[in-house]
Amino acid sequence: MKIFISGTNTDVGKTYITNKIAINLIQKGLKIIISKPIETGVINIPLDAMLHLKTQNIKCNINDICFYQFSLPASPFVADKENIIDIQRIKINLNKLEKKCDILLIEGAGGLFVPIKKDYFMIDLIKDLDAFCFLISDSKLGCINNIISARKLLTNYDIKFKSIINLLNDDFMQTSYPFIKILDDNFIYQLQQKEIIEFILKLLNI
């Protein structure tokens, strides 16, 4: 099974949530691989991918889980100055990784409409992989707009998803939660780690 962790924007806690999910699933006895197919802003080593490598419980090397590394901290399309990214290679490699584990967690770069190619975005990769998506949002003022915009995109692409909100902002309960709580039940909060894992186990019919 493939689970893609995307976000309403960059710097919303995707790496943190991905690793928390992996640790909890490993404790349940599941074989977990975490891939960061493209990492930008790499100075010496891909820090996010290295963290994932240390967390997962299937032996891999860094190039097995991080296929492209770029120094410029920008979208993959902009950072890929030599146009070396091969979408087909990414999909083939991820499908191979999926066969080695119970759950393949895939951390995207930035949000859903971060460009990988001129006309190919993170959301296109999620769709092509037929992956379930966890949509991560921060809890800052303005998160309502970002969450609803991203959820509509996922719905329009017919991608199954669940929203996870990082409760990092003290004002969230006053400024955003009163609206979010009346939307639907397609939300889990970062602090509800037990509920997140129970939801994933249901996806696996465990």
N, C-alpha and C. Protein backbone atom coordinates (compact mmCIF):
# COMPACT_ATOMS: atom_id res chain seq x y z
N MET A 1 0.84 -1.20 0.00
CA MET A 1 0.00 0.00 0.00
C MET A 1 0.88 1.24 0.00
N LYS A 2 0.48 2.25 -0.77
CA LYS A 2 1.20 3.51 -0.83
C LYS A 2 0.38 4.61 -0.15
N ILE A 3 1.01 5.34 0.77
CA ILE A 3 0.41 6.51 1.39
C ILE A 3 1.30 7.71 1.09
N PHE A 4 0.72 8.70 0.46
CA PHE A 4 1.46 9.89 0.07
C PHE A 4 1.17 11.00 1.08
N ILE A 5 2.23 11.56 1.66
CA ILE A 5 2.06 12.66 2.61
C ILE A 5 2.36 13.96 1.89
N SER A 6 1.30 14.75 1.69
CA SER A 6 1.45 16.05 1.04
C SER A 6 1.02 17.13 2.02
N GLY A 7 1.05 18.37 1.57
CA GLY A 7 0.72 19.46 2.47
C GLY A 7 -0.05 20.57 1.79
N THR A 8 -0.61 21.44 2.60
CA THR A 8 -1.28 22.61 2.06
C THR A 8 -0.25 23.64 1.62
N ASN A 9 1.00 23.46 2.04
CA ASN A 9 2.09 24.35 1.67
C ASN A 9 3.39 23.71 2.13
N THR A 10 4.48 24.41 1.94
CA THR A 10 5.74 23.93 2.48
C THR A 10 5.82 24.25 3.97
N ASP A 11 6.67 23.52 4.69
CA ASP A 11 6.92 23.78 6.11
C ASP A 11 5.66 23.69 6.96
N VAL A 12 4.88 22.63 6.74
CA VAL A 12 3.68 22.42 7.56
C VAL A 12 3.79 21.18 8.45
N GLY A 13 4.95 20.52 8.41
CA GLY A 13 5.15 19.37 9.29
C GLY A 13 5.07 18.02 8.62
N LYS A 14 5.26 17.96 7.31
CA LYS A 14 5.14 16.67 6.61
C LYS A 14 6.17 15.65 7.10
N THR A 15 7.42 16.09 7.26
CA THR A 15 8.47 15.16 7.68
C THR A 15 8.20 14.64 9.09
N TYR A 16 7.79 15.53 9.97
CA TYR A 16 7.49 15.16 11.36
C TYR A 16 6.36 14.14 11.41
N ILE A 17 5.27 14.43 10.72
CA ILE A 17 4.11 13.54 10.72
C ILE A 17 4.47 12.20 10.08
N THR A 18 5.21 12.23 8.98
CA THR A 18 5.60 11.00 8.29
C THR A 18 6.36 10.07 9.23
N ASN A 19 7.31 10.62 9.96
CA ASN A 19 8.11 9.80 10.86
C ASN A 19 7.31 9.31 12.06
N LYS A 20 6.41 10.14 12.57
CA LYS A 20 5.56 9.70 13.68
C LYS A 20 4.68 8.53 13.25
N ILE A 21 4.13 8.63 12.05
CA ILE A 21 3.30 7.54 11.53
C ILE A 21 4.14 6.28 11.38
N ALA A 22 5.33 6.42 10.80
CA ALA A 22 6.20 5.25 10.58
C ALA A 22 6.55 4.56 11.89
N ILE A 23 6.93 5.33 12.89
CA ILE A 23 7.32 4.76 14.18
C ILE A 23 6.16 3.97 14.80
N ASN A 24 4.97 4.53 14.75
CA ASN A 24 3.81 3.85 15.32
C ASN A 24 3.43 2.59 14.54
N LEU A 25 3.57 2.62 13.22
CA LEU A 25 3.26 1.44 12.42
C LEU A 25 4.30 0.34 12.63
N ILE A 26 5.54 0.72 12.79
CA ILE A 26 6.60 -0.25 13.08
C ILE A 26 6.33 -0.94 14.41
N GLN A 27 5.86 -0.17 15.39
CA GLN A 27 5.52 -0.74 16.69
C GLN A 27 4.37 -1.74 16.60
N LYS A 28 3.58 -1.64 15.53
CA LYS A 28 2.50 -2.59 15.29
C LYS A 28 2.98 -3.84 14.55
N GLY A 29 4.28 -3.87 14.25
CA GLY A 29 4.85 -5.04 13.60
C GLY A 29 4.82 -5.00 12.08
N LEU A 30 4.57 -3.82 11.51
CA LEU A 30 4.50 -3.70 10.06
C LEU A 30 5.85 -3.31 9.46
N LYS A 31 6.07 -3.76 8.24
CA LYS A 31 7.30 -3.42 7.52
C LYS A 31 7.09 -2.09 6.78
N ILE A 32 7.92 -1.11 7.12
CA ILE A 32 7.71 0.25 6.62
C ILE A 32 8.94 0.76 5.87
N ILE A 33 8.71 1.32 4.70
CA ILE A 33 9.72 2.09 3.97
C ILE A 33 9.19 3.50 3.78
N ILE A 34 10.06 4.48 3.94
CA ILE A 34 9.69 5.88 3.73
C ILE A 34 10.55 6.44 2.59
N SER A 35 9.89 6.97 1.59
CA SER A 35 10.61 7.55 0.46
C SER A 35 10.38 9.05 0.38
N LYS A 36 11.43 9.77 0.09
CA LYS A 36 11.35 11.19 -0.27
C LYS A 36 11.91 11.25 -1.69
N PRO A 37 11.06 11.05 -2.71
CA PRO A 37 11.57 10.89 -4.09
C PRO A 37 12.44 12.04 -4.56
N ILE A 38 12.07 13.27 -4.18
CA ILE A 38 12.83 14.45 -4.59
C ILE A 38 13.04 15.33 -3.37
N GLU A 39 14.28 15.67 -3.09
CA GLU A 39 14.56 16.60 -1.99
C GLU A 39 15.39 17.76 -2.53
N THR A 40 14.94 18.96 -2.26
CA THR A 40 15.67 20.15 -2.66
C THR A 40 16.25 20.83 -1.42
N GLY A 41 17.11 21.81 -1.64
CA GLY A 41 17.77 22.46 -0.52
C GLY A 41 18.81 21.58 0.15
N VAL A 42 19.38 20.65 -0.62
CA VAL A 42 20.37 19.71 -0.09
C VAL A 42 21.76 20.34 -0.14
N ILE A 43 22.41 20.44 1.00
CA ILE A 43 23.76 21.00 1.04
C ILE A 43 24.80 19.89 0.95
N ASN A 44 24.78 19.00 1.91
CA ASN A 44 25.71 17.86 1.87
C ASN A 44 24.95 16.54 1.74
N ILE A 45 23.93 16.39 2.57
CA ILE A 45 23.10 15.19 2.54
C ILE A 45 21.64 15.60 2.58
N PRO A 46 20.75 14.78 2.02
CA PRO A 46 19.31 15.09 2.10
C PRO A 46 18.80 14.79 3.52
N LEU A 47 18.58 15.83 4.30
CA LEU A 47 18.29 15.66 5.72
C LEU A 47 16.99 14.92 5.97
N ASP A 48 15.95 15.26 5.22
CA ASP A 48 14.66 14.58 5.41
C ASP A 48 14.78 13.10 5.09
N ALA A 49 15.40 12.80 3.96
CA ALA A 49 15.55 11.40 3.54
C ALA A 49 16.41 10.62 4.53
N MET A 50 17.44 11.25 5.06
CA MET A 50 18.29 10.57 6.04
C MET A 50 17.52 10.23 7.30
N LEU A 51 16.67 11.16 7.72
CA LEU A 51 15.82 10.88 8.89
C LEU A 51 14.90 9.71 8.61
N HIS A 52 14.31 9.68 7.43
CA HIS A 52 13.44 8.57 7.05
C HIS A 52 14.19 7.25 7.03
N LEU A 53 15.41 7.30 6.51
CA LEU A 53 16.22 6.08 6.41
C LEU A 53 16.49 5.48 7.79
N LYS A 54 16.71 6.35 8.77
CA LYS A 54 16.98 5.88 10.13
C LYS A 54 15.72 5.37 10.82
N THR A 55 14.55 5.85 10.38
CA THR A 55 13.30 5.48 11.02
C THR A 55 12.74 4.17 10.51
N GLN A 56 12.78 3.96 9.21
CA GLN A 56 12.15 2.78 8.61
C GLN A 56 12.84 1.50 9.07
N ASN A 57 12.16 0.37 8.93
CA ASN A 57 12.72 -0.90 9.40
C ASN A 57 13.02 -1.88 8.27
N ILE A 58 13.13 -1.40 7.05
CA ILE A 58 13.60 -2.20 5.92
C ILE A 58 14.91 -1.60 5.45
N LYS A 59 15.91 -2.43 5.29
CA LYS A 59 17.24 -1.94 4.94
C LYS A 59 17.28 -1.39 3.51
N CYS A 60 17.70 -0.15 3.39
CA CYS A 60 17.88 0.51 2.10
C CYS A 60 19.07 1.44 2.22
N ASN A 61 19.53 1.97 1.09
CA ASN A 61 20.49 3.06 1.15
C ASN A 61 19.80 4.35 0.73
N ILE A 62 20.47 5.46 0.86
CA ILE A 62 19.83 6.75 0.65
C ILE A 62 19.31 6.91 -0.78
N ASN A 63 20.03 6.37 -1.75
CA ASN A 63 19.61 6.50 -3.14
C ASN A 63 18.41 5.62 -3.48
N ASP A 64 18.15 4.63 -2.64
CA ASP A 64 16.98 3.78 -2.84
C ASP A 64 15.68 4.52 -2.53
N ILE A 65 15.77 5.49 -1.61
CA ILE A 65 14.55 6.17 -1.17
C ILE A 65 14.47 7.63 -1.61
N CYS A 66 15.61 8.20 -2.00
CA CYS A 66 15.64 9.59 -2.48
C CYS A 66 16.32 9.60 -3.85
N PHE A 67 15.52 9.72 -4.88
CA PHE A 67 16.01 9.51 -6.25
C PHE A 67 16.68 10.74 -6.84
N TYR A 68 16.26 11.92 -6.40
CA TYR A 68 16.82 13.17 -6.93
C TYR A 68 17.08 14.14 -5.78
N GLN A 69 18.28 14.73 -5.79
CA GLN A 69 18.67 15.68 -4.76
C GLN A 69 19.23 16.94 -5.44
N PHE A 70 18.71 18.09 -5.01
CA PHE A 70 19.13 19.36 -5.61
C PHE A 70 19.49 20.36 -4.52
N SER A 71 20.46 21.19 -4.80
CA SER A 71 20.95 22.15 -3.79
C SER A 71 20.03 23.36 -3.63
N LEU A 72 19.39 23.78 -4.70
CA LEU A 72 18.56 24.98 -4.62
C LEU A 72 17.28 24.67 -3.83
N PRO A 73 16.98 25.45 -2.79
CA PRO A 73 15.74 25.23 -2.02
C PRO A 73 14.54 25.82 -2.75
N ALA A 74 14.08 25.10 -3.75
CA ALA A 74 12.98 25.56 -4.59
C ALA A 74 12.15 24.37 -5.01
N SER A 75 11.14 24.60 -5.82
CA SER A 75 10.35 23.49 -6.34
C SER A 75 11.25 22.58 -7.17
N PRO A 76 10.92 21.29 -7.29
CA PRO A 76 11.74 20.40 -8.12
C PRO A 76 11.95 20.91 -9.53
N PHE A 77 10.92 21.47 -10.15
CA PHE A 77 11.05 21.97 -11.52
C PHE A 77 12.12 23.06 -11.62
N VAL A 78 12.12 23.98 -10.66
CA VAL A 78 13.08 25.08 -10.68
C VAL A 78 14.47 24.59 -10.27
N ALA A 79 14.53 23.73 -9.27
CA ALA A 79 15.82 23.23 -8.78
C ALA A 79 16.52 22.32 -9.79
N ASP A 80 15.73 21.67 -10.64
CA ASP A 80 16.26 20.72 -11.63
C ASP A 80 16.75 21.49 -12.87
N LYS A 81 17.85 22.18 -12.72
CA LYS A 81 18.34 23.06 -13.78
C LYS A 81 18.76 22.30 -15.04
N GLU A 82 19.15 21.05 -14.89
CA GLU A 82 19.59 20.26 -16.04
C GLU A 82 18.49 19.34 -16.57
N ASN A 83 17.31 19.48 -16.03
CA ASN A 83 16.15 18.73 -16.50
C ASN A 83 16.41 17.21 -16.50
N ILE A 84 16.83 16.71 -15.34
CA ILE A 84 17.17 15.29 -15.25
C ILE A 84 16.06 14.45 -14.64
N ILE A 85 15.06 15.08 -14.04
CA ILE A 85 14.00 14.31 -13.39
C ILE A 85 13.23 13.50 -14.42
N ASP A 86 13.09 12.21 -14.13
CA ASP A 86 12.36 11.28 -14.99
C ASP A 86 11.16 10.75 -14.21
N ILE A 87 9.98 11.19 -14.56
CA ILE A 87 8.76 10.80 -13.85
C ILE A 87 8.57 9.29 -13.86
N GLN A 88 8.81 8.69 -15.00
CA GLN A 88 8.63 7.24 -15.11
C GLN A 88 9.57 6.49 -14.18
N ARG A 89 10.79 6.99 -14.06
CA ARG A 89 11.75 6.37 -13.14
C ARG A 89 11.25 6.46 -11.71
N ILE A 90 10.70 7.60 -11.33
CA ILE A 90 10.16 7.77 -9.98
C ILE A 90 9.06 6.75 -9.71
N LYS A 91 8.15 6.61 -10.65
CA LYS A 91 7.03 5.69 -10.46
C LYS A 91 7.50 4.24 -10.40
N ILE A 92 8.44 3.88 -11.26
CA ILE A 92 8.97 2.50 -11.26
C ILE A 92 9.66 2.20 -9.93
N ASN A 93 10.50 3.14 -9.46
CA ASN A 93 11.23 2.93 -8.21
C ASN A 93 10.28 2.82 -7.01
N LEU A 94 9.25 3.63 -7.00
CA LEU A 94 8.29 3.59 -5.89
C LEU A 94 7.50 2.29 -5.91
N ASN A 95 7.13 1.83 -7.07
CA ASN A 95 6.41 0.55 -7.17
C ASN A 95 7.29 -0.61 -6.71
N LYS A 96 8.58 -0.53 -6.98
CA LYS A 96 9.51 -1.57 -6.51
C LYS A 96 9.62 -1.54 -4.99
N LEU A 97 9.70 -0.34 -4.42
CA LEU A 97 9.78 -0.22 -2.97
C LEU A 97 8.53 -0.76 -2.29
N GLU A 98 7.38 -0.50 -2.90
CA GLU A 98 6.12 -0.95 -2.31
C GLU A 98 6.09 -2.46 -2.14
N LYS A 99 6.70 -3.19 -3.04
CA LYS A 99 6.70 -4.64 -2.99
C LYS A 99 7.54 -5.19 -1.84
N LYS A 100 8.41 -4.35 -1.27
CA LYS A 100 9.31 -4.80 -0.21
C LYS A 100 8.76 -4.56 1.19
N CYS A 101 7.59 -3.93 1.28
CA CYS A 101 7.09 -3.55 2.60
C CYS A 101 5.58 -3.70 2.68
N ASP A 102 5.05 -3.52 3.88
CA ASP A 102 3.60 -3.52 4.06
C ASP A 102 3.00 -2.17 3.66
N ILE A 103 3.69 -1.09 4.04
CA ILE A 103 3.24 0.25 3.70
C ILE A 103 4.43 1.08 3.24
N LEU A 104 4.30 1.70 2.11
CA LEU A 104 5.29 2.65 1.62
C LEU A 104 4.76 4.05 1.88
N LEU A 105 5.45 4.79 2.73
CA LEU A 105 5.12 6.18 3.00
C LEU A 105 5.95 7.05 2.06
N ILE A 106 5.30 7.95 1.36
CA ILE A 106 5.99 8.81 0.38
C ILE A 106 5.78 10.26 0.80
N GLU A 107 6.87 10.95 1.09
CA GLU A 107 6.76 12.36 1.44
C GLU A 107 7.01 13.22 0.21
N GLY A 108 6.03 14.03 -0.13
CA GLY A 108 6.18 14.93 -1.26
C GLY A 108 7.00 16.15 -0.90
N ALA A 109 7.22 17.01 -1.88
CA ALA A 109 7.92 18.28 -1.67
C ALA A 109 6.89 19.40 -1.75
N GLY A 110 6.73 20.16 -0.65
CA GLY A 110 5.79 21.26 -0.67
C GLY A 110 4.34 20.79 -0.76
N GLY A 111 3.54 21.56 -1.49
CA GLY A 111 2.12 21.28 -1.60
C GLY A 111 1.72 20.54 -2.86
N LEU A 112 0.43 20.46 -3.10
CA LEU A 112 -0.11 19.65 -4.18
C LEU A 112 0.26 20.18 -5.56
N PHE A 113 0.33 21.49 -5.70
CA PHE A 113 0.62 22.06 -7.01
C PHE A 113 2.06 22.57 -7.12
N VAL A 114 2.95 21.94 -6.39
CA VAL A 114 4.38 22.18 -6.60
C VAL A 114 4.79 21.48 -7.89
N PRO A 115 5.42 22.21 -8.82
CA PRO A 115 5.74 21.61 -10.12
C PRO A 115 6.97 20.70 -10.08
N ILE A 116 6.80 19.53 -10.69
CA ILE A 116 7.93 18.63 -10.91
C ILE A 116 8.45 18.83 -12.33
N LYS A 117 7.53 18.92 -13.26
CA LYS A 117 7.80 19.31 -14.64
C LYS A 117 6.91 20.49 -14.97
N LYS A 118 7.06 21.05 -16.15
CA LYS A 118 6.26 22.22 -16.51
C LYS A 118 4.77 21.96 -16.39
N ASP A 119 4.34 20.79 -16.81
CA ASP A 119 2.91 20.45 -16.79
C ASP A 119 2.63 19.21 -15.94
N TYR A 120 3.46 18.99 -14.92
CA TYR A 120 3.29 17.82 -14.07
C TYR A 120 3.60 18.22 -12.63
N PHE A 121 2.61 18.01 -11.74
CA PHE A 121 2.71 18.51 -10.38
C PHE A 121 2.65 17.36 -9.37
N MET A 122 2.89 17.67 -8.10
CA MET A 122 2.85 16.64 -7.06
C MET A 122 1.51 15.91 -7.07
N ILE A 123 0.43 16.62 -7.28
CA ILE A 123 -0.88 15.98 -7.27
C ILE A 123 -1.01 14.98 -8.43
N ASP A 124 -0.34 15.24 -9.54
CA ASP A 124 -0.35 14.29 -10.66
C ASP A 124 0.38 13.01 -10.29
N LEU A 125 1.45 13.15 -9.53
CA LEU A 125 2.19 11.96 -9.09
C LEU A 125 1.34 11.13 -8.13
N ILE A 126 0.65 11.78 -7.21
CA ILE A 126 -0.24 11.06 -6.28
C ILE A 126 -1.28 10.28 -7.07
N LYS A 127 -1.88 10.93 -8.04
CA LYS A 127 -2.91 10.30 -8.87
C LYS A 127 -2.35 9.12 -9.65
N ASP A 128 -1.20 9.30 -10.28
CA ASP A 128 -0.61 8.24 -11.09
C ASP A 128 -0.20 7.04 -10.24
N LEU A 129 0.17 7.30 -9.00
CA LEU A 129 0.57 6.21 -8.10
C LEU A 129 -0.63 5.50 -7.47
N ASP A 130 -1.82 6.07 -7.65
CA ASP A 130 -3.03 5.54 -7.03
C ASP A 130 -2.81 5.40 -5.52
N ALA A 131 -2.23 6.44 -4.93
CA ALA A 131 -1.89 6.44 -3.50
C ALA A 131 -2.98 7.12 -2.69
N PHE A 132 -3.13 6.67 -1.46
CA PHE A 132 -3.96 7.39 -0.50
C PHE A 132 -3.15 8.60 -0.04
N CYS A 133 -3.82 9.71 0.21
CA CYS A 133 -3.11 10.94 0.57
C CYS A 133 -3.48 11.41 1.98
N PHE A 134 -2.46 11.70 2.77
CA PHE A 134 -2.64 12.45 4.00
C PHE A 134 -2.28 13.89 3.69
N LEU A 135 -3.23 14.78 3.86
CA LEU A 135 -3.03 16.20 3.61
C LEU A 135 -2.70 16.89 4.92
N ILE A 136 -1.46 17.37 5.04
CA ILE A 136 -1.01 18.00 6.27
C ILE A 136 -1.17 19.51 6.18
N SER A 137 -1.73 20.07 7.25
CA SER A 137 -1.89 21.52 7.32
C SER A 137 -1.34 22.03 8.64
N ASP A 138 -0.83 23.26 8.62
CA ASP A 138 -0.50 23.88 9.89
C ASP A 138 -1.78 24.43 10.50
N SER A 139 -1.66 25.10 11.64
CA SER A 139 -2.85 25.61 12.31
C SER A 139 -2.83 27.14 12.41
N LYS A 140 -2.03 27.76 11.56
CA LYS A 140 -1.93 29.22 11.58
C LYS A 140 -3.19 29.86 11.02
N LEU A 141 -3.40 31.13 11.35
CA LEU A 141 -4.49 31.88 10.77
C LEU A 141 -4.34 31.87 9.25
N GLY A 142 -5.39 31.53 8.55
CA GLY A 142 -5.32 31.37 7.10
C GLY A 142 -5.37 29.92 6.67
N CYS A 143 -5.29 29.00 7.65
CA CYS A 143 -5.26 27.58 7.31
C CYS A 143 -6.59 27.12 6.70
N ILE A 144 -7.70 27.77 7.05
CA ILE A 144 -9.00 27.38 6.49
C ILE A 144 -8.97 27.47 4.97
N ASN A 145 -8.52 28.59 4.45
CA ASN A 145 -8.43 28.78 3.00
C ASN A 145 -7.54 27.72 2.36
N ASN A 146 -6.38 27.48 2.97
CA ASN A 146 -5.44 26.52 2.40
C ASN A 146 -5.99 25.10 2.43
N ILE A 147 -6.64 24.75 3.52
CA ILE A 147 -7.20 23.40 3.66
C ILE A 147 -8.31 23.16 2.64
N ILE A 148 -9.25 24.09 2.57
CA ILE A 148 -10.39 23.89 1.67
C ILE A 148 -9.93 23.88 0.20
N SER A 149 -9.00 24.74 -0.15
CA SER A 149 -8.48 24.76 -1.53
C SER A 149 -7.85 23.41 -1.87
N ALA A 150 -7.01 22.91 -0.97
CA ALA A 150 -6.33 21.64 -1.23
C ALA A 150 -7.31 20.47 -1.27
N ARG A 151 -8.29 20.47 -0.37
CA ARG A 151 -9.27 19.39 -0.35
C ARG A 151 -10.10 19.36 -1.63
N LYS A 152 -10.43 20.52 -2.15
CA LYS A 152 -11.19 20.56 -3.40
C LYS A 152 -10.35 20.02 -4.56
N LEU A 153 -9.07 20.32 -4.56
CA LEU A 153 -8.19 19.80 -5.59
C LEU A 153 -8.15 18.27 -5.54
N LEU A 154 -7.96 17.73 -4.36
CA LEU A 154 -7.90 16.27 -4.21
C LEU A 154 -9.22 15.62 -4.64
N THR A 155 -10.33 16.24 -4.27
CA THR A 155 -11.63 15.72 -4.67
C THR A 155 -11.80 15.76 -6.18
N ASN A 156 -11.39 16.85 -6.80
CA ASN A 156 -11.50 16.98 -8.26
C ASN A 156 -10.64 15.96 -8.99
N TYR A 157 -9.53 15.59 -8.38
CA TYR A 157 -8.64 14.58 -8.96
C TYR A 157 -9.06 13.16 -8.58
N ASP A 158 -10.12 13.03 -7.82
CA ASP A 158 -10.63 11.74 -7.37
C ASP A 158 -9.57 10.97 -6.58
N ILE A 159 -8.89 11.69 -5.69
CA ILE A 159 -7.88 11.09 -4.82
C ILE A 159 -8.46 10.95 -3.42
N LYS A 160 -8.39 9.76 -2.86
CA LYS A 160 -8.87 9.54 -1.49
C LYS A 160 -7.87 10.15 -0.52
N PHE A 161 -8.39 10.83 0.51
CA PHE A 161 -7.50 11.54 1.41
C PHE A 161 -8.10 11.68 2.80
N LYS A 162 -7.24 12.04 3.72
CA LYS A 162 -7.62 12.41 5.08
C LYS A 162 -6.76 13.60 5.47
N SER A 163 -7.37 14.58 6.14
CA SER A 163 -6.64 15.77 6.55
C SER A 163 -6.07 15.60 7.96
N ILE A 164 -4.82 16.00 8.14
CA ILE A 164 -4.20 16.00 9.46
C ILE A 164 -3.75 17.43 9.75
N ILE A 165 -4.19 17.96 10.86
CA ILE A 165 -3.82 19.33 11.23
C ILE A 165 -2.81 19.30 12.37
N ASN A 166 -1.69 19.99 12.15
CA ASN A 166 -0.69 20.15 13.19
C ASN A 166 -1.15 21.22 14.17
N LEU A 167 -1.40 20.82 15.40
CA LEU A 167 -1.86 21.79 16.40
C LEU A 167 -0.64 22.50 17.00
N LEU A 168 -0.11 23.44 16.27
CA LEU A 168 1.08 24.15 16.70
C LEU A 168 0.78 25.58 17.14
N ASN A 169 -0.39 26.08 16.80
CA ASN A 169 -0.70 27.47 17.04
C ASN A 169 -1.75 27.60 18.15
N ASP A 170 -1.43 28.36 19.16
CA ASP A 170 -2.31 28.49 20.32
C ASP A 170 -3.65 29.13 19.98
N ASP A 171 -3.70 29.91 18.90
CA ASP A 171 -4.94 30.61 18.55
C ASP A 171 -5.89 29.76 17.71
N PHE A 172 -5.45 28.56 17.32
CA PHE A 172 -6.23 27.74 16.39
C PHE A 172 -7.65 27.48 16.88
N MET A 173 -7.79 27.13 18.14
CA MET A 173 -9.11 26.76 18.67
C MET A 173 -10.08 27.93 18.60
N GLN A 174 -9.56 29.15 18.66
CA GLN A 174 -10.41 30.33 18.63
C GLN A 174 -10.64 30.85 17.21
N THR A 175 -9.60 30.79 16.37
CA THR A 175 -9.68 31.45 15.06
C THR A 175 -10.10 30.54 13.91
N SER A 176 -9.82 29.24 13.99
CA SER A 176 -10.08 28.36 12.85
C SER A 176 -10.95 27.16 13.17
N TYR A 177 -10.77 26.58 14.35
CA TYR A 177 -11.51 25.36 14.70
C TYR A 177 -13.03 25.52 14.65
N PRO A 178 -13.60 26.67 15.05
CA PRO A 178 -15.06 26.79 15.00
C PRO A 178 -15.65 26.53 13.62
N PHE A 179 -14.90 26.83 12.56
CA PHE A 179 -15.39 26.52 11.21
C PHE A 179 -15.04 25.10 10.80
N ILE A 180 -13.81 24.70 11.06
CA ILE A 180 -13.37 23.38 10.63
C ILE A 180 -14.21 22.27 11.26
N LYS A 181 -14.63 22.45 12.50
CA LYS A 181 -15.38 21.39 13.19
C LYS A 181 -16.75 21.13 12.56
N ILE A 182 -17.29 22.09 11.79
CA ILE A 182 -18.60 21.89 11.19
C ILE A 182 -18.52 21.43 9.73
N LEU A 183 -17.29 21.28 9.21
CA LEU A 183 -17.14 20.85 7.81
C LEU A 183 -17.58 19.40 7.62
N ASP A 184 -16.80 18.47 8.14
CA ASP A 184 -17.09 17.04 8.05
C ASP A 184 -16.16 16.33 9.03
N ASP A 185 -16.16 15.01 8.97
CA ASP A 185 -15.31 14.25 9.89
C ASP A 185 -14.03 13.77 9.24
N ASN A 186 -13.66 14.38 8.12
CA ASN A 186 -12.46 13.95 7.40
C ASN A 186 -11.21 14.66 7.92
N PHE A 187 -11.13 14.81 9.24
CA PHE A 187 -10.00 15.45 9.88
C PHE A 187 -9.49 14.59 11.02
N ILE A 188 -8.18 14.57 11.17
CA ILE A 188 -7.55 14.02 12.36
C ILE A 188 -6.55 15.08 12.81
N TYR A 189 -6.33 15.18 14.11
CA TYR A 189 -5.38 16.15 14.62
C TYR A 189 -4.08 15.45 15.01
N GLN A 190 -2.99 16.15 14.81
CA GLN A 190 -1.67 15.55 14.99
C GLN A 190 -1.51 14.88 16.35
N LEU A 191 -2.16 15.44 17.35
CA LEU A 191 -2.05 14.88 18.68
C LEU A 191 -2.79 13.54 18.81
N GLN A 192 -3.69 13.26 17.87
CA GLN A 192 -4.47 12.02 17.93
C GLN A 192 -3.74 10.90 17.17
N GLN A 193 -2.52 10.60 17.61
CA GLN A 193 -1.71 9.63 16.88
C GLN A 193 -2.35 8.24 16.87
N LYS A 194 -3.01 7.89 17.96
CA LYS A 194 -3.69 6.59 18.02
C LYS A 194 -4.75 6.50 16.93
N GLU A 195 -5.52 7.58 16.75
CA GLU A 195 -6.58 7.59 15.74
C GLU A 195 -6.00 7.51 14.34
N ILE A 196 -4.87 8.17 14.11
CA ILE A 196 -4.22 8.12 12.80
C ILE A 196 -3.84 6.69 12.45
N ILE A 197 -3.22 6.00 13.40
CA ILE A 197 -2.77 4.62 13.16
C ILE A 197 -3.97 3.69 12.99
N GLU A 198 -5.00 3.88 13.80
CA GLU A 198 -6.20 3.04 13.67
C GLU A 198 -6.83 3.24 12.30
N PHE A 199 -6.81 4.46 11.79
CA PHE A 199 -7.36 4.73 10.46
C PHE A 199 -6.56 4.01 9.39
N ILE A 200 -5.23 4.03 9.51
CA ILE A 200 -4.39 3.35 8.51
C ILE A 200 -4.62 1.84 8.57
N LEU A 201 -4.74 1.29 9.75
CA LEU A 201 -4.96 -0.15 9.89
C LEU A 201 -6.31 -0.56 9.26
N LYS A 202 -7.29 0.33 9.34
CA LYS A 202 -8.57 0.05 8.69
C LYS A 202 -8.40 0.05 7.16
N LEU A 203 -7.56 0.95 6.65
CA LEU A 203 -7.29 0.97 5.21
C LEU A 203 -6.69 -0.36 4.77
N LEU A 204 -5.89 -0.95 5.67
CA LEU A 204 -5.24 -2.22 5.35
C LEU A 204 -6.11 -3.43 5.69
N ASN A 205 -7.29 -3.17 6.26
CA ASN A 205 -8.19 -4.23 6.71
C ASN A 205 -7.54 -5.09 7.78
N ILE A 206 -6.80 -4.44 8.67
CA ILE A 206 -6.16 -5.16 9.78
C ILE A 206 -6.96 -4.90 11.06
